[in-house]
Each structure stands twice: as C-alpha cells, then as structure tokens.
Amino acid sequence: MISFWDRVRLSFSYGWLLLFSGAVLNLVSGLLLATSFIYSGIVLSLIIKLLCTGVVLYLQRQFEHRDDVFFYINLGLTRRRMLVEALAFDYLVWAIMITVIVIAQ
C-alpha cells in the first residue's frame, strides 16, 4: 500500500513539467502585478495561466513515454488523478500569491 506522502511525491514527479511551467508563470505574473497593480491584471493573469496550462497539458500528453505512464498505473495511480493533484497545488500557490499581493496593495 502506498502512503499518502508517497502518492503526493509520485504525483509531483509525474507532473513536474506542469509544476515548473506553472511556477515560472506564477513568478512572472506575480512580479507584474506587484510592480503595477490593477484589478483587471488578476483576471488577465488567470486567463493566461489557464491557456498556458492547457498548452502544457497537451504537450505533456503528446510527448510522454508509455513506459512512464504504465509505471504509475502499475502503482495504482491514474494519470488523471496525478494531474489533478499537481494542478490543484499549482493553482493553490497562484491563489495564495494573488491574495498576498492584493492584501499588500
């Protein structure tokens, strides 16, 4: 039986590309919002994040190796669940960052 922390670690290792691109996008949008804050920038940041996440998910699906996917499936983890966990973490970090920026302004 896989523990909770092992499953989280495996989900992050599967979605590392999504997490890395999300972190870069979070950093760029956070810096832009912190330097010149406008409320419409939050919506623009969310739209750009959604579009970039869709592109990264598509590219990850096209270029992933079958052996890697079967490794995770044999451990009892589904591809969808691992991506949802990685996406939830990424968007949670984005929401916390935006909240801190709004409160600081």
N, C-alpha and C. Protein backbone atom coordinates (compact mmCIF):
# COMPACT_ATOMS: atom_id res chain seq x y z
N MET A 1 0.84 -1.19 0.00
CA MET A 1 0.00 0.00 0.00
C MET A 1 0.88 1.25 0.00
N ILE A 2 0.56 2.17 -0.85
CA ILE A 2 1.32 3.42 -0.96
C ILE A 2 0.78 4.42 0.06
N SER A 3 1.70 5.05 0.78
CA SER A 3 1.27 6.05 1.74
C SER A 3 0.86 7.34 1.03
N PHE A 4 0.25 8.22 1.79
CA PHE A 4 -0.21 9.49 1.24
C PHE A 4 0.95 10.31 0.69
N TRP A 5 2.04 10.39 1.44
CA TRP A 5 3.17 11.22 1.03
C TRP A 5 3.89 10.63 -0.18
N ASP A 6 3.90 9.28 -0.28
CA ASP A 6 4.47 8.66 -1.47
C ASP A 6 3.65 8.98 -2.71
N ARG A 7 2.32 8.97 -2.54
CA ARG A 7 1.45 9.30 -3.67
C ARG A 7 1.61 10.75 -4.09
N VAL A 8 1.76 11.63 -3.13
CA VAL A 8 1.96 13.05 -3.45
C VAL A 8 3.30 13.24 -4.17
N ARG A 9 4.34 12.57 -3.68
CA ARG A 9 5.65 12.68 -4.31
C ARG A 9 5.62 12.14 -5.73
N LEU A 10 4.94 11.01 -5.94
CA LEU A 10 4.83 10.45 -7.27
C LEU A 10 4.00 11.34 -8.20
N SER A 11 2.97 11.96 -7.66
CA SER A 11 2.15 12.87 -8.47
C SER A 11 2.96 14.08 -8.90
N PHE A 12 3.79 14.59 -8.00
CA PHE A 12 4.61 15.74 -8.35
C PHE A 12 5.71 15.34 -9.34
N SER A 13 6.23 14.13 -9.22
CA SER A 13 7.25 13.71 -10.18
C SER A 13 6.64 13.46 -11.56
N TYR A 14 5.37 13.04 -11.60
CA TYR A 14 4.71 12.87 -12.89
C TYR A 14 4.38 14.23 -13.52
N GLY A 15 3.94 15.18 -12.72
CA GLY A 15 3.54 16.48 -13.25
C GLY A 15 4.59 17.55 -13.07
N TRP A 16 5.88 17.18 -13.09
CA TRP A 16 6.94 18.16 -12.85
C TRP A 16 6.96 19.24 -13.91
N LEU A 17 6.67 18.88 -15.15
CA LEU A 17 6.68 19.88 -16.21
C LEU A 17 5.57 20.90 -16.00
N LEU A 18 4.41 20.43 -15.60
CA LEU A 18 3.29 21.31 -15.31
C LEU A 18 3.60 22.22 -14.12
N LEU A 19 4.21 21.65 -13.09
CA LEU A 19 4.55 22.45 -11.92
C LEU A 19 5.65 23.47 -12.22
N PHE A 20 6.63 23.08 -13.02
CA PHE A 20 7.71 24.02 -13.37
C PHE A 20 7.18 25.17 -14.20
N SER A 21 6.39 24.87 -15.23
CA SER A 21 5.85 25.95 -16.06
C SER A 21 4.88 26.82 -15.27
N GLY A 22 4.12 26.21 -14.37
CA GLY A 22 3.22 26.98 -13.51
C GLY A 22 3.97 27.89 -12.56
N ALA A 23 5.10 27.41 -12.04
CA ALA A 23 5.90 28.24 -11.13
C ALA A 23 6.50 29.44 -11.87
N VAL A 24 6.97 29.21 -13.08
CA VAL A 24 7.52 30.32 -13.87
C VAL A 24 6.42 31.34 -14.18
N LEU A 25 5.26 30.86 -14.56
CA LEU A 25 4.15 31.76 -14.87
C LEU A 25 3.67 32.49 -13.61
N ASN A 26 3.64 31.80 -12.48
CA ASN A 26 3.28 32.45 -11.21
C ASN A 26 4.27 33.55 -10.87
N LEU A 27 5.53 33.28 -11.06
CA LEU A 27 6.56 34.26 -10.74
C LEU A 27 6.45 35.50 -11.63
N VAL A 28 6.25 35.29 -12.92
CA VAL A 28 6.14 36.41 -13.85
C VAL A 28 4.88 37.23 -13.58
N SER A 29 3.75 36.56 -13.41
CA SER A 29 2.51 37.31 -13.16
C SER A 29 2.54 37.99 -11.80
N GLY A 30 3.17 37.35 -10.82
CA GLY A 30 3.29 37.98 -9.50
C GLY A 30 4.15 39.23 -9.54
N LEU A 31 5.25 39.17 -10.28
CA LEU A 31 6.10 40.36 -10.39
C LEU A 31 5.41 41.49 -11.14
N LEU A 32 4.69 41.13 -12.20
CA LEU A 32 3.97 42.18 -12.96
C LEU A 32 2.86 42.81 -12.12
N LEU A 33 2.14 41.98 -11.36
CA LEU A 33 1.08 42.54 -10.52
C LEU A 33 1.64 43.34 -9.35
N ALA A 34 2.76 42.92 -8.82
CA ALA A 34 3.34 43.64 -7.68
C ALA A 34 3.90 44.99 -8.08
N THR A 35 4.42 45.10 -9.31
CA THR A 35 5.01 46.36 -9.73
C THR A 35 3.97 47.37 -10.19
N SER A 36 2.96 46.90 -10.92
CA SER A 36 1.91 47.81 -11.38
C SER A 36 0.56 47.12 -11.16
N PHE A 37 -0.01 47.34 -10.01
CA PHE A 37 -1.21 46.61 -9.61
C PHE A 37 -2.47 47.26 -10.18
N ILE A 38 -3.25 46.46 -10.90
CA ILE A 38 -4.60 46.82 -11.31
C ILE A 38 -5.44 45.54 -11.17
N TYR A 39 -6.70 45.71 -10.83
CA TYR A 39 -7.54 44.53 -10.59
C TYR A 39 -7.80 43.73 -11.86
N SER A 40 -7.82 44.36 -12.99
CA SER A 40 -8.02 43.60 -14.24
C SER A 40 -6.80 42.74 -14.56
N GLY A 41 -5.67 43.07 -13.97
CA GLY A 41 -4.47 42.25 -14.14
C GLY A 41 -4.63 40.87 -13.52
N ILE A 42 -5.43 40.76 -12.47
CA ILE A 42 -5.68 39.46 -11.84
C ILE A 42 -6.44 38.56 -12.81
N VAL A 43 -7.44 39.12 -13.46
CA VAL A 43 -8.23 38.34 -14.42
C VAL A 43 -7.37 37.96 -15.62
N LEU A 44 -6.58 38.89 -16.10
CA LEU A 44 -5.68 38.61 -17.22
C LEU A 44 -4.67 37.53 -16.85
N SER A 45 -4.16 37.60 -15.64
CA SER A 45 -3.22 36.59 -15.17
C SER A 45 -3.87 35.21 -15.12
N LEU A 46 -5.12 35.14 -14.68
CA LEU A 46 -5.84 33.86 -14.63
C LEU A 46 -6.09 33.31 -16.03
N ILE A 47 -6.48 34.17 -16.95
CA ILE A 47 -6.73 33.73 -18.33
C ILE A 47 -5.46 33.20 -18.98
N ILE A 48 -4.37 33.93 -18.81
CA ILE A 48 -3.09 33.48 -19.38
C ILE A 48 -2.65 32.18 -18.73
N LYS A 49 -2.86 32.05 -17.42
CA LYS A 49 -2.48 30.81 -16.73
C LYS A 49 -3.31 29.63 -17.22
N LEU A 50 -4.59 29.83 -17.45
CA LEU A 50 -5.44 28.75 -17.97
C LEU A 50 -5.02 28.33 -19.37
N LEU A 51 -4.74 29.30 -20.22
CA LEU A 51 -4.31 28.98 -21.59
C LEU A 51 -2.96 28.26 -21.61
N CYS A 52 -2.01 28.75 -20.83
CA CYS A 52 -0.69 28.11 -20.80
C CYS A 52 -0.77 26.72 -20.18
N THR A 53 -1.62 26.54 -19.19
CA THR A 53 -1.79 25.21 -18.59
C THR A 53 -2.37 24.23 -19.60
N GLY A 54 -3.32 24.69 -20.40
CA GLY A 54 -3.88 23.83 -21.44
C GLY A 54 -2.85 23.42 -22.47
N VAL A 55 -2.00 24.35 -22.87
CA VAL A 55 -0.95 24.04 -23.84
C VAL A 55 0.05 23.05 -23.25
N VAL A 56 0.45 23.26 -22.00
CA VAL A 56 1.41 22.36 -21.36
C VAL A 56 0.81 20.97 -21.18
N LEU A 57 -0.46 20.89 -20.81
CA LEU A 57 -1.11 19.58 -20.68
C LEU A 57 -1.16 18.86 -22.01
N TYR A 58 -1.46 19.57 -23.07
CA TYR A 58 -1.49 18.96 -24.40
C TYR A 58 -0.10 18.45 -24.80
N LEU A 59 0.92 19.28 -24.61
CA LEU A 59 2.28 18.88 -24.97
C LEU A 59 2.78 17.72 -24.12
N GLN A 60 2.42 17.74 -22.84
CA GLN A 60 2.84 16.64 -21.98
C GLN A 60 2.18 15.33 -22.43
N ARG A 61 0.94 15.39 -22.81
CA ARG A 61 0.24 14.20 -23.27
C ARG A 61 0.82 13.68 -24.59
N GLN A 62 1.23 14.57 -25.46
CA GLN A 62 1.76 14.16 -26.76
C GLN A 62 3.16 13.55 -26.66
N PHE A 63 3.96 14.02 -25.72
CA PHE A 63 5.35 13.61 -25.67
C PHE A 63 5.70 12.70 -24.50
N GLU A 64 4.71 12.19 -23.77
CA GLU A 64 5.04 11.32 -22.66
C GLU A 64 5.34 9.91 -23.16
N HIS A 65 6.19 9.21 -22.44
CA HIS A 65 6.56 7.85 -22.80
C HIS A 65 5.55 6.87 -22.21
N ARG A 66 5.22 5.87 -22.97
CA ARG A 66 4.24 4.88 -22.49
C ARG A 66 4.76 4.13 -21.28
N ASP A 67 6.05 3.86 -21.23
CA ASP A 67 6.60 3.13 -20.09
C ASP A 67 6.45 3.92 -18.80
N ASP A 68 6.61 5.23 -18.87
CA ASP A 68 6.44 6.06 -17.68
C ASP A 68 5.01 5.99 -17.18
N VAL A 69 4.06 6.04 -18.09
CA VAL A 69 2.65 6.01 -17.70
C VAL A 69 2.31 4.66 -17.08
N PHE A 70 2.80 3.58 -17.67
CA PHE A 70 2.50 2.26 -17.13
C PHE A 70 3.15 2.05 -15.77
N PHE A 71 4.28 2.69 -15.51
CA PHE A 71 4.91 2.61 -14.19
C PHE A 71 3.96 3.15 -13.13
N TYR A 72 3.36 4.31 -13.38
CA TYR A 72 2.44 4.90 -12.41
C TYR A 72 1.14 4.11 -12.31
N ILE A 73 0.65 3.62 -13.43
CA ILE A 73 -0.58 2.85 -13.41
C ILE A 73 -0.39 1.56 -12.62
N ASN A 74 0.77 0.92 -12.76
CA ASN A 74 1.04 -0.30 -12.02
C ASN A 74 1.15 -0.06 -10.52
N LEU A 75 1.47 1.16 -10.13
CA LEU A 75 1.50 1.52 -8.71
C LEU A 75 0.10 1.83 -8.18
N GLY A 76 -0.89 1.85 -9.05
CA GLY A 76 -2.27 2.12 -8.64
C GLY A 76 -2.66 3.58 -8.75
N LEU A 77 -1.89 4.36 -9.46
CA LEU A 77 -2.19 5.79 -9.63
C LEU A 77 -2.70 6.02 -11.04
N THR A 78 -3.74 6.80 -11.17
CA THR A 78 -4.24 7.11 -12.50
C THR A 78 -3.62 8.42 -12.98
N ARG A 79 -3.54 8.55 -14.28
CA ARG A 79 -2.96 9.75 -14.88
C ARG A 79 -3.79 10.98 -14.52
N ARG A 80 -5.09 10.85 -14.58
CA ARG A 80 -5.97 11.99 -14.29
C ARG A 80 -5.81 12.46 -12.85
N ARG A 81 -5.75 11.52 -11.92
CA ARG A 81 -5.63 11.90 -10.51
C ARG A 81 -4.31 12.60 -10.23
N MET A 82 -3.24 12.11 -10.83
CA MET A 82 -1.94 12.75 -10.61
C MET A 82 -1.92 14.17 -11.19
N LEU A 83 -2.52 14.35 -12.36
CA LEU A 83 -2.57 15.70 -12.94
C LEU A 83 -3.46 16.63 -12.13
N VAL A 84 -4.56 16.11 -11.62
CA VAL A 84 -5.44 16.95 -10.79
C VAL A 84 -4.73 17.38 -9.52
N GLU A 85 -3.98 16.48 -8.90
CA GLU A 85 -3.24 16.86 -7.70
C GLU A 85 -2.18 17.91 -8.00
N ALA A 86 -1.48 17.77 -9.11
CA ALA A 86 -0.46 18.76 -9.48
C ALA A 86 -1.12 20.10 -9.82
N LEU A 87 -2.23 20.06 -10.56
CA LEU A 87 -2.94 21.30 -10.90
C LEU A 87 -3.50 21.99 -9.66
N ALA A 88 -4.05 21.21 -8.74
CA ALA A 88 -4.61 21.79 -7.52
C ALA A 88 -3.52 22.50 -6.72
N PHE A 89 -2.35 21.89 -6.62
CA PHE A 89 -1.24 22.52 -5.91
C PHE A 89 -0.80 23.80 -6.62
N ASP A 90 -0.69 23.74 -7.94
CA ASP A 90 -0.24 24.90 -8.71
C ASP A 90 -1.21 26.06 -8.57
N TYR A 91 -2.49 25.81 -8.69
CA TYR A 91 -3.48 26.89 -8.59
C TYR A 91 -3.65 27.38 -7.15
N LEU A 92 -3.40 26.51 -6.19
CA LEU A 92 -3.43 26.95 -4.79
C LEU A 92 -2.29 27.92 -4.52
N VAL A 93 -1.11 27.62 -5.04
CA VAL A 93 0.03 28.54 -4.89
C VAL A 93 -0.28 29.86 -5.58
N TRP A 94 -0.89 29.81 -6.79
CA TRP A 94 -1.25 31.03 -7.50
C TRP A 94 -2.25 31.86 -6.70
N ALA A 95 -3.26 31.21 -6.12
CA ALA A 95 -4.28 31.94 -5.35
C ALA A 95 -3.68 32.57 -4.10
N ILE A 96 -2.80 31.88 -3.43
CA ILE A 96 -2.15 32.45 -2.25
C ILE A 96 -1.28 33.65 -2.64
N MET A 97 -0.57 33.52 -3.75
CA MET A 97 0.28 34.62 -4.21
C MET A 97 -0.57 35.85 -4.55
N ILE A 98 -1.66 35.65 -5.26
CA ILE A 98 -2.54 36.77 -5.63
C ILE A 98 -3.15 37.41 -4.38
N THR A 99 -3.54 36.58 -3.43
CA THR A 99 -4.12 37.10 -2.18
C THR A 99 -3.11 37.95 -1.43
N VAL A 100 -1.89 37.49 -1.33
CA VAL A 100 -0.85 38.27 -0.65
C VAL A 100 -0.60 39.60 -1.37
N ILE A 101 -0.58 39.58 -2.70
CA ILE A 101 -0.36 40.81 -3.45
C ILE A 101 -1.51 41.79 -3.25
N VAL A 102 -2.75 41.28 -3.26
CA VAL A 102 -3.91 42.16 -3.07
C VAL A 102 -3.90 42.76 -1.68
N ILE A 103 -3.58 41.98 -0.67
CA ILE A 103 -3.55 42.49 0.69
C ILE A 103 -2.42 43.50 0.86
N ALA A 104 -1.31 43.28 0.21
CA ALA A 104 -0.17 44.20 0.35
C ALA A 104 -0.42 45.52 -0.35
N GLN A 105 -1.28 45.55 -1.35
CA GLN A 105 -1.54 46.78 -2.06
C GLN A 105 -2.52 47.56 -1.27
